[in-house]
Amino acid sequence: MVEQTVHRRNPDVSWRVIEGQAVLVFNIEGEVQVLNEVGTYIWEHVEDQDVETLAGNIAKTFAVSEEEARRDLLAFLQDLRKSGALL
């Protein structure tokens, strides 16, 4: 199954990249989540690339297989949706 969706960040989540890591602040809950380098890359590009494009770019940027990049990307996107970071 190919996922063509481009995701949207939740406008109630403020964020900033500090020293290469995205810091997400869930304004309503008052919680903070810090993303690693790959998570930050995904967060920065999640609104302008579909899953297939993003997985391919992750594979090239981080020297992993496209299959591994896609699998991990889908799991990470699901986690972001569950946390409320993505709509």
N, C-alpha and C. Protein backbone atom coordinates (compact mmCIF):
# COMPACT_ATOMS: atom_id res chain seq x y z
N MET A 1 0.84 -1.18 0.00
CA MET A 1 0.00 0.00 0.00
C MET A 1 0.88 1.25 0.00
N VAL A 2 0.63 2.16 -0.88
CA VAL A 2 1.40 3.40 -0.99
C VAL A 2 0.61 4.51 -0.32
N GLU A 3 1.25 5.20 0.62
CA GLU A 3 0.61 6.31 1.31
C GLU A 3 1.05 7.60 0.65
N GLN A 4 0.11 8.32 0.03
CA GLN A 4 0.41 9.55 -0.69
C GLN A 4 0.15 10.79 0.14
N THR A 5 -0.31 10.60 1.36
CA THR A 5 -0.72 11.72 2.21
C THR A 5 0.46 12.61 2.58
N VAL A 6 0.23 13.90 2.51
CA VAL A 6 1.14 14.88 3.09
C VAL A 6 0.47 15.30 4.40
N HIS A 7 1.20 15.20 5.49
CA HIS A 7 0.62 15.44 6.81
C HIS A 7 0.68 16.91 7.19
N ARG A 8 -0.15 17.26 8.17
CA ARG A 8 -0.18 18.63 8.69
C ARG A 8 0.23 18.64 10.15
N ARG A 9 1.09 19.58 10.49
CA ARG A 9 1.45 19.77 11.90
C ARG A 9 0.26 20.39 12.64
N ASN A 10 0.11 20.02 13.89
CA ASN A 10 -0.93 20.61 14.73
C ASN A 10 -0.52 22.04 15.06
N PRO A 11 -1.37 23.03 14.77
CA PRO A 11 -1.01 24.42 15.07
C PRO A 11 -0.90 24.71 16.56
N ASP A 12 -1.40 23.80 17.41
CA ASP A 12 -1.29 23.97 18.86
C ASP A 12 0.03 23.41 19.40
N VAL A 13 0.90 23.00 18.49
CA VAL A 13 2.23 22.52 18.88
C VAL A 13 3.26 23.52 18.35
N SER A 14 3.93 24.20 19.26
CA SER A 14 5.00 25.12 18.88
C SER A 14 6.28 24.30 18.74
N TRP A 15 7.18 24.76 17.90
CA TRP A 15 8.43 24.02 17.76
C TRP A 15 9.56 24.92 17.30
N ARG A 16 10.75 24.43 17.59
CA ARG A 16 11.97 25.12 17.18
C ARG A 16 13.08 24.09 17.13
N VAL A 17 14.01 24.27 16.21
CA VAL A 17 15.18 23.39 16.15
C VAL A 17 16.30 24.05 16.94
N ILE A 18 16.82 23.30 17.91
CA ILE A 18 17.91 23.76 18.75
C ILE A 18 19.03 22.73 18.67
N GLU A 19 20.18 23.16 18.18
CA GLU A 19 21.35 22.29 18.05
C GLU A 19 21.00 20.99 17.32
N GLY A 20 20.24 21.12 16.24
CA GLY A 20 19.93 19.99 15.38
C GLY A 20 18.79 19.11 15.83
N GLN A 21 18.13 19.46 16.94
CA GLN A 21 17.01 18.66 17.42
C GLN A 21 15.76 19.53 17.54
N ALA A 22 14.67 19.01 16.98
CA ALA A 22 13.40 19.73 17.09
C ALA A 22 12.84 19.56 18.50
N VAL A 23 12.44 20.66 19.07
CA VAL A 23 11.79 20.65 20.38
C VAL A 23 10.33 21.03 20.13
N LEU A 24 9.43 20.09 20.41
CA LEU A 24 8.00 20.30 20.22
C LEU A 24 7.38 20.64 21.57
N VAL A 25 6.61 21.70 21.62
CA VAL A 25 5.93 22.10 22.85
C VAL A 25 4.43 21.99 22.60
N PHE A 26 3.80 21.09 23.33
CA PHE A 26 2.36 20.89 23.22
C PHE A 26 1.72 21.94 24.11
N ASN A 27 1.26 23.03 23.49
CA ASN A 27 0.81 24.21 24.23
C ASN A 27 -0.32 23.94 25.21
N ILE A 28 -1.28 23.14 24.82
CA ILE A 28 -2.45 22.90 25.67
C ILE A 28 -2.07 22.00 26.86
N GLU A 29 -1.31 20.94 26.57
CA GLU A 29 -0.94 19.99 27.61
C GLU A 29 0.25 20.45 28.44
N GLY A 30 1.05 21.36 27.90
CA GLY A 30 2.24 21.81 28.59
C GLY A 30 3.36 20.78 28.57
N GLU A 31 3.33 19.89 27.59
CA GLU A 31 4.34 18.84 27.48
C GLU A 31 5.36 19.21 26.41
N VAL A 32 6.54 18.61 26.52
CA VAL A 32 7.63 18.86 25.59
C VAL A 32 8.12 17.53 25.06
N GLN A 33 8.44 17.48 23.76
CA GLN A 33 9.02 16.28 23.14
C GLN A 33 10.22 16.74 22.32
N VAL A 34 11.35 16.07 22.49
CA VAL A 34 12.57 16.39 21.75
C VAL A 34 12.81 15.27 20.74
N LEU A 35 13.00 15.65 19.47
CA LEU A 35 13.21 14.69 18.40
C LEU A 35 14.70 14.56 18.09
N ASN A 36 15.10 13.35 17.72
CA ASN A 36 16.48 13.14 17.31
C ASN A 36 16.69 13.69 15.89
N GLU A 37 17.86 13.47 15.34
CA GLU A 37 18.21 14.05 14.03
C GLU A 37 17.26 13.59 12.93
N VAL A 38 16.94 12.30 12.90
CA VAL A 38 16.04 11.79 11.86
C VAL A 38 14.61 12.30 12.10
N GLY A 39 14.17 12.28 13.34
CA GLY A 39 12.85 12.80 13.67
C GLY A 39 12.72 14.27 13.31
N THR A 40 13.78 15.02 13.53
CA THR A 40 13.79 16.45 13.18
C THR A 40 13.68 16.62 11.68
N TYR A 41 14.42 15.81 10.92
CA TYR A 41 14.35 15.86 9.46
C TYR A 41 12.92 15.60 8.99
N ILE A 42 12.30 14.58 9.57
CA ILE A 42 10.92 14.25 9.21
C ILE A 42 9.99 15.41 9.56
N TRP A 43 10.13 15.94 10.77
CA TRP A 43 9.26 17.03 11.22
C TRP A 43 9.37 18.24 10.31
N GLU A 44 10.58 18.56 9.88
CA GLU A 44 10.79 19.73 9.03
C GLU A 44 10.21 19.55 7.63
N HIS A 45 10.08 18.31 7.16
CA HIS A 45 9.65 18.05 5.78
C HIS A 45 8.27 17.39 5.68
N VAL A 46 7.63 17.13 6.79
CA VAL A 46 6.39 16.35 6.78
C VAL A 46 5.25 17.04 6.04
N GLU A 47 5.26 18.35 5.98
CA GLU A 47 4.16 19.05 5.32
C GLU A 47 4.38 19.28 3.83
N ASP A 48 5.57 19.05 3.34
CA ASP A 48 5.82 19.33 1.92
C ASP A 48 6.24 18.11 1.10
N GLN A 49 6.23 16.93 1.71
CA GLN A 49 6.58 15.71 0.97
C GLN A 49 5.63 14.59 1.35
N ASP A 50 5.23 13.80 0.36
CA ASP A 50 4.42 12.63 0.69
C ASP A 50 5.34 11.55 1.28
N VAL A 51 4.75 10.50 1.79
CA VAL A 51 5.51 9.46 2.50
C VAL A 51 6.57 8.82 1.61
N GLU A 52 6.23 8.51 0.37
CA GLU A 52 7.19 7.85 -0.51
C GLU A 52 8.40 8.75 -0.79
N THR A 53 8.15 10.00 -1.07
CA THR A 53 9.23 10.95 -1.32
C THR A 53 10.08 11.13 -0.08
N LEU A 54 9.42 11.31 1.05
CA LEU A 54 10.13 11.51 2.31
C LEU A 54 10.97 10.28 2.66
N ALA A 55 10.43 9.09 2.50
CA ALA A 55 11.18 7.87 2.78
C ALA A 55 12.42 7.77 1.88
N GLY A 56 12.27 8.09 0.60
CA GLY A 56 13.41 8.06 -0.32
C GLY A 56 14.47 9.06 0.08
N ASN A 57 14.06 10.24 0.50
CA ASN A 57 15.01 11.26 0.92
C ASN A 57 15.70 10.89 2.23
N ILE A 58 14.97 10.26 3.14
CA ILE A 58 15.58 9.78 4.38
C ILE A 58 16.63 8.72 4.07
N ALA A 59 16.29 7.80 3.17
CA ALA A 59 17.24 6.74 2.80
C ALA A 59 18.53 7.33 2.26
N LYS A 60 18.42 8.32 1.41
CA LYS A 60 19.61 8.95 0.83
C LYS A 60 20.40 9.75 1.86
N THR A 61 19.68 10.51 2.68
CA THR A 61 20.33 11.40 3.64
C THR A 61 21.00 10.63 4.77
N PHE A 62 20.38 9.55 5.23
CA PHE A 62 20.88 8.84 6.40
C PHE A 62 21.45 7.46 6.08
N ALA A 63 21.66 7.17 4.80
CA ALA A 63 22.32 5.94 4.35
C ALA A 63 21.67 4.67 4.93
N VAL A 64 20.34 4.58 4.74
CA VAL A 64 19.61 3.37 5.11
C VAL A 64 18.82 2.93 3.87
N SER A 65 18.32 1.70 3.90
CA SER A 65 17.54 1.22 2.76
C SER A 65 16.20 1.96 2.73
N GLU A 66 15.63 2.06 1.53
CA GLU A 66 14.32 2.71 1.40
C GLU A 66 13.26 1.94 2.18
N GLU A 67 13.38 0.62 2.20
CA GLU A 67 12.42 -0.20 2.93
C GLU A 67 12.48 0.11 4.43
N GLU A 68 13.68 0.19 4.98
CA GLU A 68 13.83 0.51 6.39
C GLU A 68 13.35 1.94 6.68
N ALA A 69 13.69 2.87 5.80
CA ALA A 69 13.28 4.26 5.98
C ALA A 69 11.75 4.36 5.97
N ARG A 70 11.11 3.69 5.04
CA ARG A 70 9.65 3.75 4.93
C ARG A 70 8.98 3.13 6.15
N ARG A 71 9.47 1.96 6.56
CA ARG A 71 8.89 1.27 7.72
C ARG A 71 9.00 2.14 8.98
N ASP A 72 10.19 2.67 9.23
CA ASP A 72 10.40 3.49 10.42
C ASP A 72 9.64 4.81 10.32
N LEU A 73 9.57 5.39 9.12
CA LEU A 73 8.82 6.62 8.91
C LEU A 73 7.35 6.42 9.23
N LEU A 74 6.75 5.36 8.73
CA LEU A 74 5.33 5.11 8.99
C LEU A 74 5.06 4.93 10.48
N ALA A 75 5.95 4.22 11.17
CA ALA A 75 5.79 4.03 12.61
C ALA A 75 5.91 5.37 13.34
N PHE A 76 6.87 6.20 12.93
CA PHE A 76 7.08 7.50 13.56
C PHE A 76 5.89 8.43 13.31
N LEU A 77 5.36 8.43 12.09
CA LEU A 77 4.19 9.25 11.79
C LEU A 77 2.99 8.83 12.62
N GLN A 78 2.84 7.54 12.81
CA GLN A 78 1.74 7.04 13.65
C GLN A 78 1.92 7.54 15.09
N ASP A 79 3.15 7.51 15.60
CA ASP A 79 3.43 8.01 16.95
C ASP A 79 3.11 9.51 17.05
N LEU A 80 3.48 10.27 16.01
CA LEU A 80 3.21 11.71 16.02
C LEU A 80 1.71 11.99 15.99
N ARG A 81 0.97 11.18 15.23
CA ARG A 81 -0.49 11.34 15.20
C ARG A 81 -1.09 11.02 16.56
N LYS A 82 -0.63 9.93 17.18
CA LYS A 82 -1.15 9.53 18.49
C LYS A 82 -0.87 10.59 19.54
N SER A 83 0.28 11.22 19.46
CA SER A 83 0.65 12.25 20.45
C SER A 83 -0.10 13.55 20.23
N GLY A 84 -0.68 13.71 19.03
CA GLY A 84 -1.39 14.94 18.70
C GLY A 84 -0.52 15.97 18.00
N ALA A 85 0.73 15.62 17.71
CA ALA A 85 1.63 16.55 17.02
C ALA A 85 1.21 16.75 15.56
N LEU A 86 0.65 15.69 14.95
CA LEU A 86 0.15 15.77 13.59
C LEU A 86 -1.36 15.62 13.58
N LEU A 87 -1.99 16.31 12.65
CA LEU A 87 -3.45 16.18 12.50
C LEU A 87 -3.78 15.13 11.48
